[in-house]
Protein backbone atom coordinates (compact mmCIF):
# COMPACT_ATOMS: atom_id res chain seq x y z
CA MET A 1 3.92 1.38 117.75
CA ARG A 2 2.89 -2.29 117.88
CA ALA A 3 3.61 -2.44 121.61
CA ARG A 4 1.58 0.83 122.07
CA ARG A 5 -1.29 -0.59 120.20
CA VAL A 6 -1.14 -3.84 122.33
CA VAL A 7 -1.29 -1.67 125.62
CA ALA A 8 -4.07 0.53 124.40
CA ALA A 9 -6.15 -2.65 123.55
CA ALA A 10 -5.46 -4.16 126.79
CA LEU A 11 -6.54 -1.02 128.76
CA ALA A 12 -9.58 -0.83 126.58
CA LEU A 13 -10.38 -4.30 127.63
CA ALA A 14 -10.04 -3.45 131.33
CA LEU A 15 -12.06 -0.35 131.06
CA ALA A 16 -14.84 -2.16 129.16
CA GLN A 17 -15.05 -4.95 131.80
CA ALA A 18 -18.50 -3.92 133.07
CA LEU A 19 -19.70 -4.02 129.36
CA VAL A 20 -18.89 -7.60 128.62
CA PRO A 21 -22.09 -9.57 128.12
CA ALA A 22 -22.60 -12.39 130.43
CA ARG A 23 -21.59 -15.87 128.98
CA PRO A 24 -24.46 -18.31 128.93
CA ALA A 25 -24.22 -20.55 131.86
CA SER A 26 -22.45 -23.88 131.09
CA VAL A 27 -23.92 -25.59 134.05
CA ALA A 28 -27.48 -26.36 135.24
CA SER A 29 -28.72 -25.34 138.59
CA ALA A 30 -28.29 -27.87 141.34
CA GLY A 31 -31.64 -27.53 142.29
CA PRO A 32 -32.83 -29.13 145.80
CA GLY A 33 -30.19 -31.96 145.41
CA ALA A 34 -27.05 -30.07 146.21
CA PRO A 35 -23.92 -31.85 144.80
CA ASN A 36 -21.16 -33.28 146.49
CA VAL A 37 -17.88 -31.36 146.20
CA LEU A 38 -14.47 -32.87 145.59
CA ILE A 39 -11.20 -30.91 145.35
CA ILE A 40 -8.02 -32.73 144.42
CA MET A 41 -5.01 -30.33 144.66
CA THR A 42 -1.47 -31.11 143.91
CA ASP A 43 1.61 -29.18 145.27
CA ASP A 44 3.78 -27.28 142.95
CA GLN A 45 2.51 -28.96 139.76
CA ARG A 46 3.69 -26.87 136.63
CA ALA A 47 1.11 -26.55 133.77
CA GLY A 48 1.87 -28.83 130.96
CA THR A 49 2.83 -31.97 133.09
CA MET A 50 -0.47 -33.81 132.76
CA GLY A 51 0.73 -36.15 129.94
CA VAL A 52 1.89 -38.84 132.48
CA MET A 53 -1.36 -38.81 134.34
CA LYS A 54 -3.52 -41.07 132.12
CA GLN A 55 -6.38 -41.75 134.57
CA THR A 56 -6.62 -38.12 135.58
CA ARG A 57 -6.97 -37.08 132.11
CA LYS A 58 -9.61 -39.70 131.57
CA TRP A 59 -11.69 -38.61 134.34
CA PHE A 60 -11.20 -34.84 134.16
CA LEU A 61 -10.16 -33.99 130.61
CA ARG A 62 -12.37 -36.44 128.76
CA GLY A 63 -14.90 -36.38 131.37
CA GLY A 64 -15.08 -32.52 132.02
CA THR A 65 -13.67 -29.11 131.04
CA SER A 66 -10.04 -28.12 130.93
CA PHE A 67 -9.12 -24.53 131.79
CA GLN A 68 -6.11 -23.68 129.83
CA ASN A 69 -5.72 -20.24 131.15
CA ALA A 70 -5.87 -20.82 134.88
CA PHE A 71 -3.74 -18.85 137.25
CA VAL A 72 -3.02 -18.28 140.82
CA THR A 73 -3.14 -14.98 142.55
CA THR A 74 0.11 -15.56 144.46
CA PRO A 75 2.60 -18.34 143.39
CA LEU A 76 3.25 -19.67 146.84
CA CYS A 77 1.77 -22.72 148.53
CA CYS A 78 0.34 -21.32 151.73
CA PRO A 79 -1.00 -18.03 150.34
CA SER A 80 -2.51 -19.72 147.42
CA ARG A 81 -4.25 -22.45 149.48
CA ALA A 82 -5.54 -19.69 151.74
CA SER A 83 -6.92 -18.06 148.65
CA ILE A 84 -8.55 -21.31 147.43
CA LEU A 85 -10.18 -21.89 150.64
CA THR A 86 -11.52 -18.31 151.05
CA GLY A 87 -11.82 -17.01 147.45
CA ARG A 88 -9.83 -14.00 148.48
CA TYR A 89 -6.60 -12.42 147.56
CA ALA A 90 -3.69 -12.50 149.87
CA HIS A 91 -4.07 -8.71 150.59
CA ASN A 92 -7.51 -9.64 152.07
CA HIS A 93 -7.01 -12.97 153.79
CA GLY A 94 -3.54 -11.83 155.28
CA VAL A 95 -1.49 -14.87 154.65
CA ILE A 96 1.49 -13.74 152.63
CA ASP A 97 4.16 -16.47 153.50
CA ASN A 98 4.50 -20.18 154.45
CA GLN A 99 4.87 -19.51 158.22
CA HIS A 100 1.80 -17.89 159.39
CA ALA A 101 -1.07 -20.18 158.25
CA HIS A 102 -2.71 -19.65 161.86
CA THR A 103 -3.42 -16.04 161.06
CA LEU A 104 -6.18 -17.24 158.48
CA ASP A 105 -9.65 -16.49 159.66
CA GLN A 106 -10.86 -20.07 159.66
CA SER A 107 -14.58 -18.92 159.88
CA ALA A 108 -14.25 -17.57 156.24
CA THR A 109 -13.27 -20.82 154.83
CA LEU A 110 -15.06 -22.92 152.24
CA GLN A 111 -15.39 -25.90 154.70
CA ARG A 112 -17.01 -23.55 157.19
CA SER A 113 -19.70 -22.37 154.68
CA LEU A 114 -20.38 -25.99 153.48
CA GLN A 115 -20.65 -27.29 157.06
CA ASP A 116 -23.14 -24.50 157.89
CA ALA A 117 -25.14 -25.49 154.75
CA GLY A 118 -25.46 -29.01 156.11
CA TYR A 119 -22.46 -30.71 154.38
CA LEU A 120 -20.34 -33.34 155.82
CA THR A 121 -16.74 -32.34 155.43
CA GLY A 122 -13.39 -34.25 155.32
CA MET A 123 -9.86 -33.76 154.26
CA ALA A 124 -6.83 -35.99 153.44
CA GLY A 125 -3.32 -34.53 152.92
CA LYS A 126 -1.60 -31.32 153.38
CA TYR A 127 -3.72 -28.48 154.92
CA LEU A 128 -1.68 -25.15 155.20
CA ASN A 129 2.12 -24.81 155.34
CA GLY A 130 3.24 -24.09 158.98
CA TRP A 131 -0.06 -25.54 160.37
CA ARG A 132 0.82 -27.51 163.52
CA THR A 133 0.28 -31.09 163.03
CA GLU A 134 -1.30 -31.40 166.56
CA ASP A 135 -4.01 -28.87 165.67
CA ALA A 136 -7.00 -30.18 163.97
CA PRO A 137 -7.94 -28.42 160.63
CA PRO A 138 -11.05 -26.30 161.64
CA TYR A 139 -14.61 -27.28 160.27
CA PHE A 140 -13.84 -30.68 159.09
CA HIS A 141 -15.75 -33.66 160.47
CA ARG A 142 -13.12 -36.21 159.51
CA TRP A 143 -9.38 -35.65 158.73
CA ALA A 144 -6.02 -37.17 157.88
CA MET A 145 -3.90 -34.11 157.97
CA PHE A 146 -0.23 -33.49 157.88
CA SER A 147 1.96 -30.41 157.50
CA PRO A 148 5.63 -31.28 156.69
CA LEU A 149 7.40 -28.61 158.70
CA GLU A 150 10.47 -30.71 157.55
CA PHE A 151 10.03 -31.30 153.85
CA SER A 152 12.31 -34.47 154.10
CA SER A 153 9.38 -36.15 155.93
CA GLY A 154 6.88 -35.27 153.13
CA TYR A 155 6.89 -38.68 151.59
CA TRP A 156 8.13 -41.28 154.07
CA ASN A 157 7.54 -41.52 157.87
CA ALA A 158 5.35 -38.42 157.87
CA TRP A 159 3.57 -37.31 160.98
CA PHE A 160 -0.33 -37.30 160.51
CA ASN A 161 -3.11 -36.11 162.60
CA LEU A 162 -5.85 -38.81 162.19
CA ASP A 163 -9.05 -37.39 163.65
CA GLY A 164 -7.21 -35.95 166.64
CA THR A 165 -4.43 -38.60 167.10
CA VAL A 166 -0.95 -37.81 165.85
CA VAL A 167 0.89 -40.79 164.49
CA GLN A 168 3.91 -41.46 162.43
CA VAL A 169 3.00 -43.11 159.04
CA PRO A 170 5.81 -45.17 157.33
CA GLU A 171 3.91 -45.67 154.11
CA TYR A 172 4.47 -43.50 151.13
CA SER A 173 2.28 -40.41 151.82
CA THR A 174 0.56 -40.10 148.44
CA ASP A 175 -0.70 -43.68 148.82
CA PHE A 176 -1.61 -43.16 152.44
CA ILE A 177 -3.64 -40.08 151.50
CA ALA A 178 -5.45 -41.93 148.73
CA ASP A 179 -6.41 -44.75 151.35
CA ARG A 180 -7.68 -42.12 153.89
CA ALA A 181 -9.69 -40.32 151.11
CA VAL A 182 -11.40 -43.55 150.35
CA ASP A 183 -11.99 -44.31 153.88
CA ILE A 184 -13.58 -40.81 154.32
CA LEU A 185 -15.84 -41.39 151.41
CA ARG A 186 -17.08 -44.58 152.79
CA TRP A 187 -17.68 -42.84 156.26
CA PHE A 188 -19.75 -40.17 154.47
CA ASP A 189 -21.76 -42.99 152.88
CA VAL A 190 -22.40 -44.79 156.28
CA GLN A 191 -23.38 -41.59 158.07
CA ASN A 192 -26.12 -40.43 155.74
CA ASP A 193 -26.14 -41.49 152.10
CA ALA A 194 -28.37 -38.61 151.18
CA GLN A 195 -26.37 -35.89 152.98
CA PRO A 196 -24.06 -33.97 150.51
CA TRP A 197 -20.36 -33.97 151.50
CA PHE A 198 -17.09 -31.96 150.75
CA LEU A 199 -13.80 -33.82 150.34
CA TYR A 200 -10.46 -31.87 150.05
CA VAL A 201 -7.63 -34.17 148.99
CA THR A 202 -4.16 -32.53 148.97
CA PRO A 203 -1.16 -34.82 148.35
CA PHE A 204 2.31 -33.43 148.99
CA ALA A 205 3.37 -34.50 145.41
CA PRO A 206 5.08 -33.41 143.37
CA HIS A 207 6.66 -30.80 145.79
CA GLY A 208 10.35 -31.37 146.64
CA PRO A 209 12.28 -33.34 147.81
CA ASN A 210 11.49 -35.21 144.67
CA ASN A 211 10.96 -38.77 145.76
CA PRO A 212 8.94 -41.06 143.68
CA ALA A 213 7.14 -44.14 144.92
CA PRO A 214 9.24 -47.28 144.40
CA ARG A 215 6.86 -48.64 141.83
CA HIS A 216 7.38 -45.52 139.54
CA ARG A 217 11.18 -44.83 140.12
CA LYS A 218 12.20 -46.27 136.79
CA ALA A 219 9.03 -45.33 134.80
CA LYS A 220 9.74 -43.93 131.32
CA VAL A 221 8.91 -40.21 130.98
CA PRO A 222 8.37 -38.01 127.90
CA ARG A 223 11.41 -36.49 126.28
CA PHE A 224 12.39 -33.21 127.66
CA ARG A 225 11.56 -30.34 125.31
CA PRO A 226 12.35 -27.04 126.99
CA ASP A 227 10.66 -23.73 126.29
CA PRO A 228 12.41 -21.13 124.36
CA ASN A 229 13.11 -19.17 127.47
CA PHE A 230 15.01 -22.12 129.06
CA LEU A 231 18.30 -20.82 130.29
CA GLU A 232 17.65 -17.63 128.52
CA ARG A 233 21.06 -16.19 127.53
CA ASP A 234 20.37 -12.62 127.48
CA ARG A 235 18.81 -11.52 130.70
CA SER A 236 19.83 -7.94 130.63
CA ASP A 237 16.25 -6.64 130.45
CA LYS A 238 15.26 -8.58 133.44
CA PRO A 239 15.20 -7.09 137.04
CA PRO A 240 18.32 -7.41 139.20
CA TYR A 241 17.29 -10.43 141.23
CA VAL A 242 17.03 -12.49 138.10
CA LEU A 243 20.41 -11.14 136.90
CA GLU A 244 22.03 -12.12 140.19
CA GLN A 245 20.83 -15.67 140.09
CA PRO A 246 23.38 -18.05 138.55
CA PRO A 247 21.43 -19.94 135.88
CA VAL A 248 20.41 -23.46 137.00
CA LYS A 249 22.10 -26.45 135.31
CA ARG A 250 20.27 -28.26 132.49
CA ARG A 251 21.28 -31.63 133.94
CA ILE A 252 19.57 -30.73 137.23
CA VAL A 253 16.42 -29.47 135.62
CA LYS A 254 16.19 -32.74 133.57
CA ARG A 255 16.65 -34.89 136.69
CA VAL A 256 14.28 -32.86 138.74
CA ARG A 257 11.49 -33.02 135.86
CA ALA A 258 11.81 -36.72 135.51
CA LYS A 259 11.20 -37.23 139.31
CA VAL A 260 8.36 -34.89 139.31
CA LEU A 261 6.61 -36.71 136.57
CA ARG A 262 7.08 -40.00 138.32
CA GLN A 263 5.74 -38.44 141.47
CA LEU A 264 2.68 -37.47 139.63
CA MET A 265 2.13 -41.10 138.46
CA SER A 266 1.34 -41.84 142.16
CA VAL A 267 -1.09 -38.82 142.23
CA ASP A 268 -2.70 -40.39 139.18
CA ASP A 269 -3.16 -43.56 141.14
CA LEU A 270 -4.66 -41.53 143.86
CA VAL A 271 -7.26 -40.02 141.45
CA GLN A 272 -8.10 -43.47 140.09
CA SER A 273 -8.81 -44.82 143.57
CA VAL A 274 -10.94 -41.93 144.53
CA MET A 275 -12.96 -42.06 141.27
CA ARG A 276 -13.33 -45.75 141.41
CA GLU A 277 -14.76 -45.49 144.98
CA LEU A 278 -17.18 -42.63 143.83
CA GLY A 279 -18.57 -44.97 141.22
CA ARG A 280 -18.83 -48.07 143.77
CA LEU A 281 -20.70 -45.68 146.04
CA GLY A 282 -23.05 -44.45 143.24
CA GLU A 283 -21.76 -40.89 143.90
CA ARG A 284 -19.99 -39.88 140.54
CA GLU A 285 -22.97 -38.32 138.75
CA ASN A 286 -23.87 -35.76 141.47
CA THR A 287 -20.24 -34.77 142.45
CA LEU A 288 -18.67 -31.56 141.43
CA ALA A 289 -15.08 -32.53 141.07
CA ILE A 290 -12.15 -30.21 140.59
CA PHE A 291 -8.54 -30.97 139.96
CA LEU A 292 -5.74 -28.23 140.20
CA SER A 293 -2.47 -27.30 141.64
CA ASP A 294 -1.73 -24.66 144.28
CA ASN A 295 0.89 -22.91 142.07
CA GLY A 296 3.12 -23.43 139.12
CA LEU A 297 6.98 -23.80 139.03
CA VAL A 298 9.68 -22.58 136.52
CA TRP A 299 12.10 -25.19 135.32
CA GLY A 300 14.99 -23.13 133.89
CA ASP A 301 12.78 -20.42 132.68
CA HIS A 302 14.99 -17.32 132.58
CA GLY A 303 17.69 -19.40 134.19
CA TRP A 304 15.49 -20.02 137.39
CA ARG A 305 14.22 -22.92 139.22
CA ASN A 306 11.61 -21.61 141.66
CA LYS A 307 7.96 -20.54 142.31
CA ARG A 308 7.24 -17.09 143.74
CA LEU A 309 8.01 -15.44 140.30
CA PRO A 310 5.54 -13.37 138.11
CA TYR A 311 6.52 -15.43 134.99
CA THR A 312 4.00 -17.48 133.30
CA LYS A 313 4.92 -21.04 134.41
CA ALA A 314 5.07 -19.99 138.05
CA VAL A 315 1.71 -18.42 138.09
CA GLN A 316 -0.12 -20.71 135.66
CA ILE A 317 -1.66 -24.09 136.86
CA PRO A 318 -3.43 -27.05 135.38
CA MET A 319 -7.14 -26.95 136.24
CA PHE A 320 -10.09 -29.20 135.35
CA VAL A 321 -13.70 -29.34 136.44
CA ARG A 322 -16.12 -32.29 135.92
CA TRP A 323 -19.82 -32.67 136.91
CA PRO A 324 -21.61 -35.27 134.62
CA GLY A 325 -24.48 -33.92 132.81
CA ARG A 326 -23.89 -30.31 133.98
CA VAL A 327 -20.21 -29.47 132.96
CA THR A 328 -19.44 -29.88 129.32
CA GLU A 329 -17.18 -33.01 128.63
CA ARG A 330 -14.15 -33.02 126.48
CA ALA A 331 -14.32 -29.16 126.45
CA THR A 332 -11.66 -26.54 126.61
CA ARG A 333 -12.02 -23.10 128.01
CA THR A 334 -9.36 -20.37 127.21
CA ASP A 335 -10.78 -17.45 129.20
CA LEU A 336 -8.76 -16.12 132.11
CA VAL A 337 -9.60 -17.79 135.42
CA LEU A 338 -8.13 -17.64 138.93
CA ASN A 339 -7.82 -20.02 141.95
CA VAL A 340 -10.07 -17.53 143.83
CA ASP A 341 -12.95 -18.40 141.31
CA LEU A 342 -13.45 -21.95 142.95
CA PHE A 343 -14.95 -20.64 146.18
CA PRO A 344 -17.75 -18.67 144.67
CA THR A 345 -18.34 -21.34 142.03
CA ILE A 346 -18.87 -23.96 144.70
CA LEU A 347 -21.08 -21.65 146.84
CA GLU A 348 -23.17 -21.08 143.70
CA THR A 349 -23.77 -24.55 142.99
CA THR A 350 -24.31 -25.76 146.60
CA GLY A 351 -26.29 -22.82 147.94
CA ALA A 352 -23.98 -22.18 150.77
CA SER A 353 -23.11 -18.61 151.81
CA PRO A 354 -19.75 -16.91 152.56
CA HIS A 355 -18.96 -15.19 155.86
CA PRO A 356 -20.79 -11.81 155.73
CA ASP A 357 -17.52 -9.95 156.64
CA SER A 358 -15.31 -11.86 154.09
CA PRO A 359 -16.85 -11.54 150.68
CA PRO A 360 -15.08 -13.65 148.02
CA ASP A 361 -12.95 -11.79 145.48
CA GLY A 362 -13.49 -14.48 142.83
CA ARG A 363 -16.13 -15.01 140.26
CA SER A 364 -18.19 -18.10 139.40
CA LEU A 365 -16.66 -20.18 136.55
CA PHE A 366 -20.26 -20.96 135.44
CA THR A 367 -22.19 -17.75 135.25
CA SER A 368 -19.82 -14.76 135.39
CA PRO A 369 -18.78 -13.06 132.29
CA PRO A 370 -15.11 -13.54 131.07
CA ARG A 371 -12.75 -11.28 132.78
CA PRO A 372 -10.44 -9.18 130.49
CA ARG A 373 -7.54 -9.13 132.92
CA LEU A 374 -6.05 -10.79 135.99
CA PHE A 375 -4.29 -9.20 139.04
CA MET A 376 -1.58 -11.03 140.74
CA GLU A 377 0.54 -10.14 143.84
CA TYR A 378 3.48 -11.33 145.93
CA LEU A 379 5.12 -9.82 149.17
CA THR A 380 8.72 -10.57 149.90
CA ASN A 381 9.34 -12.49 153.12
CA ALA A 382 12.06 -14.10 155.18
CA GLU A 383 11.86 -17.31 153.42
CA SER A 384 13.14 -16.06 150.20
CA PRO A 385 14.17 -12.54 150.66
CA GLN A 386 16.17 -12.48 147.21
CA ILE A 387 12.76 -12.34 145.54
CA PRO A 388 11.29 -8.82 145.95
CA SER A 389 7.61 -7.79 146.10
CA TRP A 390 5.84 -7.52 142.99
CA ARG A 391 2.36 -7.16 141.45
CA ALA A 392 1.10 -7.57 137.91
CA ILE A 393 -1.64 -7.13 135.51
CA ARG A 394 -2.16 -9.88 132.82
CA THR A 395 -4.57 -9.89 129.69
CA PRO A 396 -4.63 -12.33 126.90
CA LEU A 397 -2.45 -9.63 125.15
CA VAL A 398 0.05 -8.24 127.65
CA HIS A 399 1.89 -8.83 131.04
CA TYR A 400 2.61 -5.88 133.00
CA ILE A 401 4.78 -6.29 136.18
CA GLU A 402 6.10 -3.69 138.63
CA TYR A 403 8.47 -4.00 141.76
CA PRO A 404 7.79 -1.60 144.61
CA ASP A 405 10.29 -0.63 147.24
CA ASP A 406 8.80 -2.12 150.42
CA ARG A 407 9.60 0.86 152.63
CA THR A 408 8.86 3.86 150.18
CA GLY A 409 6.44 2.26 147.73
CA GLU A 410 8.49 3.77 144.84
CA ILE A 411 8.62 1.62 141.77
CA THR A 412 12.07 0.32 141.30
CA PHE A 413 11.68 -1.80 138.09
CA ARG A 414 9.03 -2.57 135.54
CA GLU A 415 8.44 -5.38 133.04
CA TYR A 416 6.18 -5.42 130.03
CA TYR A 417 5.74 -8.37 127.69
CA ASP A 418 3.67 -8.53 124.42
CA LEU A 419 2.19 -12.08 125.00
CA VAL A 420 0.97 -12.39 121.39
CA ASN A 421 4.38 -12.01 119.78
CA ASP A 422 6.37 -13.08 122.79
CA PRO A 423 4.50 -15.70 124.75
CA TYR A 424 7.62 -16.82 126.62
CA GLU A 425 8.41 -13.39 127.94
CA LEU A 426 11.86 -13.04 126.30
CA VAL A 427 11.73 -9.33 125.59
CA ASN A 428 10.82 -6.97 128.25
CA LEU A 429 9.80 -3.92 126.16
CA LEU A 430 10.53 -1.58 129.00
CA GLY A 431 14.10 -2.88 129.55
CA ASP A 432 15.22 -3.70 126.03
CA ALA A 433 17.04 -0.32 125.51
CA ASP A 434 14.87 0.65 122.58
CA PRO A 435 12.37 3.51 123.69
CA THR A 436 10.55 3.21 120.34
CA ASN A 437 8.58 0.22 121.48
CA ASP A 438 7.78 1.61 124.91
CA PRO A 439 4.23 2.29 126.02
CA SER A 440 3.68 6.00 126.20
CA PRO A 441 3.82 7.75 129.55
CA ASP A 442 0.14 8.10 129.60
CA GLU A 443 -0.45 4.40 129.13
CA LEU A 444 2.09 3.52 131.86
CA ALA A 445 0.33 5.81 134.20
CA LEU A 446 -2.94 4.17 133.47
CA LEU A 447 -1.42 0.73 134.17
CA ARG A 448 0.11 2.05 137.30
CA ALA A 449 -3.06 3.41 138.56
CA GLN A 450 -4.83 0.19 137.76
CA VAL A 451 -2.45 -1.80 139.84
CA ASP A 452 -2.92 0.49 142.71
CA ARG A 453 -6.72 0.05 142.47
CA ASP A 454 -6.35 -3.72 142.21
CA LEU A 455 -4.08 -3.79 145.22
CA ARG A 456 -6.91 -2.49 147.36
CA CYS A 457 -9.69 -4.44 145.85
CA ARG A 458 -12.15 -6.28 147.93
CA GLY A 459 -15.05 -8.55 146.76
CA ALA A 460 -16.38 -9.17 143.45
CA GLN A 461 -19.04 -6.39 143.27
CA GLY A 462 -19.18 -2.74 144.09
CA PRO A 463 -16.78 0.20 143.40
CA ASP A 464 -13.73 -1.64 144.96
CA ALA A 465 -14.40 -4.97 143.22
CA CYS A 466 -11.56 -7.19 142.26
CA PRO A 467 -10.88 -7.82 138.46
């Protein structure tokens, strides 16, 4: 009965979406002086790992707003980055794996919109997985871009495209990216101090192989306190692909975690360098700055160590926004937000326009009403064929996941979690062999129909609007 009440409440929220009153704007209009835009994005950073990033917390946590319920639409690097740069779901932008970055319509990207609006644009770091290093990232005036086709070169001796010239860089890549970001900021200032700019800074860290900078290799890290779902003993309620995966070893997770946290210390140094340079140039006050990760990662959750999964720590990300005098400092927001929300937020504050044929699916973080639910999706691919396609609806109360057969569309497995009483998703109420706590057939039919509608959603307005 409890589960049925939770489902009913979740569906009521979804159906009442249009009736939710608008939240008062938490940001003032940019007016004629459009803000600079800075995005710093880590690679595979799990939520809950900000403790070692003292400087980043100073600038973004104390100096801005933390979004505690920030999620990605697809928990995989390239699709997520494509979603951030276009504000669109993977089923709309078409990038579903890490191998086909060149299929993305570059004319629908954030940098294109900002360039068209008169912004100087620059990037330093990883662009899109599989993007050829010799190819310039479109619609950037300046760039120091790399795409580690072989991840072993992600930190040392990486090949970078520096404004059209490909060179091998022996320096630790996070430090090199920090230096190049600072150089681009100085170039912006020299070109035209009054002209607004967009800088996209994307270090490879803390993506594997986990290789901290020498200065951080022996740094102390917080004690490992795993979540209750760590190496979950009874996985009989989980889908077959989870059951077939041998549980990861505790010692491996502890070792990887320590290295990841040490890698993030270098990212913290990068953030400090960039923010200090903004201060030296007098640009901090009129810069909308965003810090986030492209996706999360599970560390032994349900026995796995991977992304791509529908479970919380794979889809949840750290996300912070600062804009002095306009975004509330030392604030926390708990409403549900998505990575696709950054694109419309930035367009709203800068006055830029999206491509007319590619409307963003996200909503403004500043002026849109809180959404009652999220939709997330993943399509199986040759990189990780053991992980099947899935799609999910998440509300503050429940998490519903279904796995379709890629040929027939038939649903082969379902998961349903009561997030209020089971936040670590230990008990799948549709797989626990207890029919008394299952949602009713009618409620499941409603969830199924909602997933089908969301899978075809497009844009943030109109009858086919995304949630």
